[in-house]
Every structure is written in C-alpha cells, then in structure tokens.
C-alpha cells in the first residue's frame, strides 16, 4: 500500500516539475515582455495562473497514476501519449514566453490541445476517472489557446 502512495506522489511531482520547468521561461517574461504587449479584455490577472496550473498539474498526476496502476496493457501507450502532451505543455512556455513568440506558441498550443485530447481518449479506455480528471485541463488549455491567438492577433 505504501508503494501506491509513493507512485501517486511521484506522478504528481513529475507533473508539477513540468510546471516548474515551464515557469523558468515564464517568470522573467511575465514581469517584462508580457507587460508590454497588447492583451484582450478577457486576459485574467497574473495571480490566477499559478493556482490554476498547480491544481491542473496535480490532477494530471493523479490521472496518470490511475492509468499506471490499472495494470492494463494499453497503459504504456497511454502514458507515452501523456508524456508527449506534458512535453508540449513545457515547450509552449518556452516558445511563448522564452522566445517571446505568440505565433510559435499558437502552433504548439494547438498541438498540445490535440495531444491532450488524445490522452483523454486513450485514458478513457483504461480509466474513466483518469480521463475525467483531464477535462479541466483541456478546458483551460482551450481558453489559453483563444488567449494565445488573441495576443498574436493584437501584436
């Protein structure tokens, strides 16, 4: 039983680490470049992003854990798709904030959205709970994609 909790913690920490890596690219630009660009009226205040992403990464970790412990043969492929979307998630931060490129960010966030949808699809076959835990994530990334597109159009 203790191993299950260690795996759960490991999955959550792995996802949170993706957020930490992404924040390396984000933190400097948020207080400089991001302040100077045009943003749409529906742009959330900066303080919203950290708690939302921290929660989403935790849900992602729990979701991946549920697939991992399922013991189903499809789990390896599903977790590979999950790994791809996690990589694209971090890559988006690098492109949008690190390279200060809303256009490149838009390309990557579209790919990210598709990878999240693929993850939900593959997870659903293994664990419906795992798939449902990713719904807030795809909804937030859908919003972020619209926001990214709007920033690209305004600048």
Protein backbone atom coordinates (compact mmCIF):
# COMPACT_ATOMS: atom_id res chain seq x y z
CA UNK A 1 0.00 0.00 0.00
CA UNK A 2 2.83 2.40 0.80
CA UNK A 3 4.22 1.92 -2.72
CA UNK A 4 0.91 3.11 -4.18
CA UNK A 5 1.19 6.38 -2.29
CA UNK A 6 4.81 6.78 -3.37
CA UNK A 7 3.79 6.28 -7.00
CA UNK A 8 0.96 8.77 -6.60
CA UNK A 9 3.33 11.35 -5.12
CA UNK A 10 5.90 10.64 -7.85
CA UNK A 11 3.34 11.20 -10.64
CA UNK A 12 2.10 14.43 -9.09
CA UNK A 13 5.64 15.71 -8.53
CA UNK A 14 6.64 14.81 -12.10
CA UNK A 15 3.76 16.89 -13.44
CA UNK A 16 4.44 19.76 -11.05
CA UNK A 17 8.10 19.69 -12.18
CA UNK A 18 6.95 20.24 -15.76
CA UNK A 19 5.27 23.37 -14.43
CA UNK A 20 8.44 24.43 -12.61
CA UNK A 21 10.49 23.99 -15.78
CA UNK A 22 7.93 25.99 -17.75
CA UNK A 23 7.98 28.72 -15.11
CA UNK A 24 11.71 29.20 -15.68
CA UNK A 25 10.83 30.58 -19.12
CA UNK A 26 7.73 32.37 -17.89
CA UNK A 27 8.92 34.17 -14.76
CA UNK A 28 11.25 36.67 -16.40
CA UNK A 29 8.98 37.48 -19.34
CA UNK A 30 5.87 37.96 -17.19
CA UNK A 31 7.44 40.94 -15.44
CA UNK A 32 8.98 42.42 -18.60
CA UNK A 33 7.89 41.49 -22.14
CA UNK A 34 4.39 40.25 -21.25
CA UNK A 35 3.57 43.56 -19.55
CA UNK A 36 4.34 45.49 -22.73
CA UNK A 37 2.26 43.55 -25.24
CA UNK A 38 -1.40 44.09 -26.07
CA UNK A 39 -3.77 41.63 -24.42
CA UNK A 40 -7.52 41.10 -24.88
CA UNK A 41 -10.01 42.31 -22.28
CA UNK A 42 -10.62 38.75 -21.10
CA UNK A 43 -6.97 38.24 -20.10
CA UNK A 44 -7.02 37.01 -16.48
CA UNK A 45 -4.98 38.78 -13.82
CA UNK A 46 -1.49 37.32 -13.40
CA UNK A 47 -2.21 35.92 -9.93
CA UNK A 48 -4.74 33.45 -11.40
CA UNK A 49 -2.23 31.40 -13.36
CA UNK A 50 -0.13 29.87 -10.55
CA UNK A 51 -3.00 28.34 -8.54
CA UNK A 52 -4.81 27.16 -11.68
CA UNK A 53 -1.73 25.47 -13.11
CA UNK A 54 -0.70 23.97 -9.77
CA UNK A 55 -4.16 22.40 -9.48
CA UNK A 56 -4.15 21.19 -13.08
CA UNK A 57 -0.72 19.59 -12.73
CA UNK A 58 -1.89 17.78 -9.59
CA UNK A 59 -4.98 16.49 -11.42
CA UNK A 60 -2.76 15.39 -14.31
CA UNK A 61 -0.52 13.48 -11.91
CA UNK A 62 -3.46 11.73 -10.26
CA UNK A 63 -4.86 10.89 -13.69
CA UNK A 64 -1.59 9.38 -14.91
CA UNK A 65 -1.26 7.45 -11.66
CA UNK A 66 -4.70 5.88 -12.13
CA UNK A 67 -3.68 4.68 -15.59
CA UNK A 68 -0.34 3.43 -14.28
CA UNK A 69 -1.89 1.30 -11.52
CA UNK A 70 -4.62 -0.09 -13.77
CA UNK A 71 -2.38 -2.92 -14.91
CA UNK A 72 -3.88 -2.82 -18.39
CA UNK A 73 -1.62 -3.50 -21.36
CA UNK A 74 -2.69 -0.25 -23.07
CA UNK A 75 -1.28 1.76 -20.16
CA UNK A 76 2.21 2.05 -21.63
CA UNK A 77 0.94 3.66 -24.84
CA UNK A 78 -1.48 5.89 -22.95
CA UNK A 79 1.30 7.11 -20.65
CA UNK A 80 3.51 7.76 -23.69
CA UNK A 81 0.78 10.00 -25.13
CA UNK A 82 0.53 11.64 -21.72
CA UNK A 83 4.30 12.23 -21.75
CA UNK A 84 4.03 13.85 -25.18
CA UNK A 85 1.38 16.31 -24.01
CA UNK A 86 3.42 17.09 -20.88
CA UNK A 87 6.45 17.83 -23.08
CA UNK A 88 4.36 20.07 -25.35
CA UNK A 89 2.99 21.84 -22.28
CA UNK A 90 6.52 22.80 -21.22
CA UNK A 91 7.54 23.59 -24.80
CA UNK A 92 4.68 26.08 -25.05
CA UNK A 93 6.09 28.09 -22.13
CA UNK A 94 9.49 28.13 -23.84
CA UNK A 95 8.03 29.25 -27.18
CA UNK A 96 5.54 31.82 -25.93
CA UNK A 97 7.47 33.33 -23.02
CA UNK A 98 11.07 32.21 -23.52
CA UNK A 99 11.22 33.07 -27.23
CA UNK A 100 8.52 35.71 -26.80
CA UNK A 101 6.70 34.32 -29.82
CA UNK A 102 2.90 34.24 -29.67
CA UNK A 103 2.85 32.74 -33.18
CA UNK A 104 5.11 29.79 -32.30
CA UNK A 105 3.20 29.46 -29.03
CA UNK A 106 -0.04 29.22 -31.00
CA UNK A 107 1.31 26.40 -33.17
CA UNK A 108 2.49 24.49 -30.11
CA UNK A 109 -0.71 25.04 -28.11
CA UNK A 110 -2.78 23.64 -30.98
CA UNK A 111 -0.54 20.55 -30.97
CA UNK A 112 -0.82 20.46 -27.17
CA UNK A 113 -4.62 20.58 -27.34
CA UNK A 114 -4.62 17.66 -29.80
CA UNK A 115 -2.24 15.70 -27.56
CA UNK A 116 -4.46 16.35 -24.52
CA UNK A 117 -7.49 15.14 -26.47
CA UNK A 118 -5.52 12.04 -27.48
CA UNK A 119 -4.55 11.50 -23.84
CA UNK A 120 -8.16 11.78 -22.71
CA UNK A 121 -9.19 9.32 -25.41
CA UNK A 122 -6.53 6.74 -24.51
CA UNK A 123 -7.08 7.20 -20.77
CA UNK A 124 -10.86 6.78 -21.16
CA UNK A 125 -10.31 3.25 -22.48
CA UNK A 126 -8.36 2.42 -19.33
CA UNK A 127 -9.93 4.53 -16.58
CA UNK A 128 -12.87 6.85 -16.98
CA UNK A 129 -11.89 8.62 -13.75
CA UNK A 130 -8.44 9.31 -15.20
CA UNK A 131 -9.99 10.75 -18.36
CA UNK A 132 -12.47 12.92 -16.46
CA UNK A 133 -9.66 14.36 -14.32
CA UNK A 134 -8.19 15.83 -17.52
CA UNK A 135 -11.36 17.69 -18.53
CA UNK A 136 -10.48 20.86 -16.55
CA UNK A 137 -7.06 20.77 -18.19
CA UNK A 138 -8.37 20.67 -21.76
CA UNK A 139 -10.91 23.38 -20.91
CA UNK A 140 -8.17 25.63 -19.51
CA UNK A 141 -5.90 24.95 -22.50
CA UNK A 142 -8.84 25.73 -24.81
CA UNK A 143 -9.16 29.10 -23.08
CA UNK A 144 -5.39 29.58 -23.22
CA UNK A 145 -5.42 28.80 -26.95
CA UNK A 146 -8.02 31.52 -27.56
CA UNK A 147 -5.99 33.89 -25.39
CA UNK A 148 -2.77 32.99 -27.24
CA UNK A 149 -4.49 33.54 -30.61
CA UNK A 150 -5.87 36.91 -29.46
CA UNK A 151 -2.45 38.06 -28.25
CA UNK A 152 -0.90 37.03 -31.55
CA UNK A 153 -3.57 38.97 -33.48
CA UNK A 154 -3.20 42.07 -31.29
CA UNK A 155 0.57 42.16 -31.61
